[in-house]
Amino acid sequence: MSSLVVVAGVLVTLLAGGAGAGPRGQRPAARVYVVGPGDTLWGIAESLVGPAGDPRPVVDRLASVNRVRDGVIRPGQELRLGP
């Protein structure tokens, strides 16, 4: 669960646009979440935004960045968490 918290912080930073270019103008490497059994985009997004957050924009962003169709993800699939 603690790794999910780290991933949550990274995703929130990336989605908020806080992760800008690094030294020499290079963008940081994209973070990856490995889908586990029973995971859904909605569940991942809810975990990332917490109880007070709205998971809908995160679901939309995850689906768009990862070209997920119909919300279908599979265990072992790697989801990019940033642009």
C-alpha atoms as a PDB file:
ATOM      1  CA  MET A   1       0.000   0.000   0.000  1.00  0.00           C
ATOM      2  CA  SER A   2       2.888   2.401   0.680  1.00  0.00           C
ATOM      3  CA  SER A   3       4.038   2.140  -2.935  1.00  0.00           C
ATOM      4  CA  LEU A   4       0.561   3.216  -3.994  1.00  0.00           C
ATOM      5  CA  VAL A   5       0.932   6.324  -1.849  1.00  0.00           C
ATOM      6  CA  VAL A   6       4.190   7.154  -3.629  1.00  0.00           C
ATOM      7  CA  VAL A   7       2.531   6.557  -6.989  1.00  0.00           C
ATOM      8  CA  ALA A   8      -0.361   8.772  -5.877  1.00  0.00           C
ATOM      9  CA  GLY A   9       1.982  11.644  -5.125  1.00  0.00           C
ATOM     10  CA  VAL A  10       3.714  11.259  -8.452  1.00  0.00           C
ATOM     11  CA  LEU A  11       0.432  11.130 -10.365  1.00  0.00           C
ATOM     12  CA  VAL A  12      -0.994  14.157  -8.609  1.00  0.00           C
ATOM     13  CA  THR A  13       2.189  16.086  -9.385  1.00  0.00           C
ATOM     14  CA  LEU A  14       2.174  15.018 -13.030  1.00  0.00           C
ATOM     15  CA  LEU A  15      -1.516  15.705 -13.543  1.00  0.00           C
ATOM     16  CA  ALA A  16      -1.210  19.098 -11.886  1.00  0.00           C
ATOM     17  CA  GLY A  17       1.614  20.010 -14.216  1.00  0.00           C
ATOM     18  CA  GLY A  18       4.116  20.337 -11.390  1.00  0.00           C
ATOM     19  CA  ALA A  19       6.699  18.089 -12.992  1.00  0.00           C
ATOM     20  CA  GLY A  20       8.394  20.394 -15.421  1.00  0.00           C
ATOM     21  CA  ALA A  21      11.551  19.989 -17.369  1.00  0.00           C
ATOM     22  CA  GLY A  22      14.596  18.845 -15.435  1.00  0.00           C
ATOM     23  CA  PRO A  23      18.132  20.082 -15.771  1.00  0.00           C
ATOM     24  CA  ARG A  24      19.176  20.771 -19.360  1.00  0.00           C
ATOM     25  CA  GLY A  25      15.518  20.918 -20.429  1.00  0.00           C
ATOM     26  CA  GLN A  26      14.935  17.168 -20.209  1.00  0.00           C
ATOM     27  CA  ARG A  27      11.568  15.868 -19.054  1.00  0.00           C
ATOM     28  CA  PRO A  28      11.633  13.336 -16.201  1.00  0.00           C
ATOM     29  CA  ALA A  29      10.974   9.690 -17.036  1.00  0.00           C
ATOM     30  CA  ALA A  30       7.310   8.699 -16.957  1.00  0.00           C
ATOM     31  CA  ARG A  31       6.218   6.726 -13.883  1.00  0.00           C
ATOM     32  CA  VAL A  32       4.503   3.383 -14.368  1.00  0.00           C
ATOM     33  CA  TYR A  33       1.809   1.554 -12.386  1.00  0.00           C
ATOM     34  CA  VAL A  34       1.551  -2.210 -12.859  1.00  0.00           C
ATOM     35  CA  VAL A  35      -2.082  -3.348 -12.841  1.00  0.00           C
ATOM     36  CA  GLY A  36      -2.885  -6.004 -10.259  1.00  0.00           C
ATOM     37  CA  PRO A  37      -5.708  -8.555 -10.150  1.00  0.00           C
ATOM     38  CA  GLY A  38      -9.033  -6.816  -9.594  1.00  0.00           C
ATOM     39  CA  ASP A  39      -7.693  -3.334 -10.370  1.00  0.00           C
ATOM     40  CA  THR A  40      -9.884  -0.944 -12.341  1.00  0.00           C
ATOM     41  CA  LEU A  41      -9.144   2.519 -13.677  1.00  0.00           C
ATOM     42  CA  TRP A  42     -11.751   3.899 -11.305  1.00  0.00           C
ATOM     43  CA  GLY A  43     -10.260   2.105  -8.300  1.00  0.00           C
ATOM     44  CA  ILE A  44      -6.729   3.214  -9.158  1.00  0.00           C
ATOM     45  CA  ALA A  45      -7.921   6.794  -9.621  1.00  0.00           C
ATOM     46  CA  GLU A  46      -9.842   6.745  -6.318  1.00  0.00           C
ATOM     47  CA  SER A  47      -6.728   5.534  -4.520  1.00  0.00           C
ATOM     48  CA  LEU A  48      -4.678   8.277  -6.098  1.00  0.00           C
ATOM     49  CA  VAL A  49      -6.958  11.225  -5.370  1.00  0.00           C
ATOM     50  CA  GLY A  50      -8.070  10.134  -1.897  1.00  0.00           C
ATOM     51  CA  PRO A  51     -11.501  10.421  -0.294  1.00  0.00           C
ATOM     52  CA  ALA A  52     -11.916  14.141  -0.978  1.00  0.00           C
ATOM     53  CA  GLY A  53     -10.750  14.053  -4.601  1.00  0.00           C
ATOM     54  CA  ASP A  54     -12.686  13.565  -7.823  1.00  0.00           C
ATOM     55  CA  PRO A  55     -11.412  10.451  -9.646  1.00  0.00           C
ATOM     56  CA  ARG A  56     -13.117  11.269 -12.955  1.00  0.00           C
ATOM     57  CA  PRO A  57     -10.366  13.471 -14.452  1.00  0.00           C
ATOM     58  CA  VAL A  58      -7.734  10.948 -13.358  1.00  0.00           C
ATOM     59  CA  VAL A  59      -9.660   8.092 -15.000  1.00  0.00           C
ATOM     60  CA  ASP A  60      -9.935  10.140 -18.199  1.00  0.00           C
ATOM     61  CA  ARG A  61      -6.225  10.989 -18.136  1.00  0.00           C
ATOM     62  CA  LEU A  62      -5.139   7.379 -17.441  1.00  0.00           C
ATOM     63  CA  ALA A  63      -7.341   6.099 -20.265  1.00  0.00           C
ATOM     64  CA  SER A  64      -6.102   8.750 -22.683  1.00  0.00           C
ATOM     65  CA  VAL A  65      -2.384   8.468 -21.901  1.00  0.00           C
ATOM     66  CA  ASN A  66      -2.521   4.655 -22.043  1.00  0.00           C
ATOM     67  CA  ARG A  67      -4.970   4.350 -24.940  1.00  0.00           C
ATOM     68  CA  VAL A  68      -7.333   2.245 -22.831  1.00  0.00           C
ATOM     69  CA  ARG A  69     -10.558   1.410 -24.643  1.00  0.00           C
ATOM     70  CA  ASP A  70     -13.796   0.797 -22.779  1.00  0.00           C
ATOM     71  CA  GLY A  71     -11.924   1.002 -19.456  1.00  0.00           C
ATOM     72  CA  VAL A  72     -10.521  -2.519 -19.860  1.00  0.00           C
ATOM     73  CA  ILE A  73      -7.170  -3.119 -18.142  1.00  0.00           C
ATOM     74  CA  ARG A  74      -5.490  -6.437 -17.372  1.00  0.00           C
ATOM     75  CA  PRO A  75      -3.215  -7.680 -14.557  1.00  0.00           C
ATOM     76  CA  GLY A  76       0.413  -7.133 -15.474  1.00  0.00           C
ATOM     77  CA  GLN A  77      -0.397  -4.250 -17.812  1.00  0.00           C
ATOM     78  CA  GLU A  78       1.774  -1.192 -17.268  1.00  0.00           C
ATOM     79  CA  LEU A  79      -0.031   2.133 -17.075  1.00  0.00           C
ATOM     80  CA  ARG A  80       1.923   5.336 -17.657  1.00  0.00           C
ATOM     81  CA  LEU A  81       1.037   7.893 -15.047  1.00  0.00           C
ATOM     82  CA  GLY A  82       2.236  10.956 -16.893  1.00  0.00           C
ATOM     83  CA  PRO A  83       2.461  12.515 -20.305  1.00  0.00           C
END
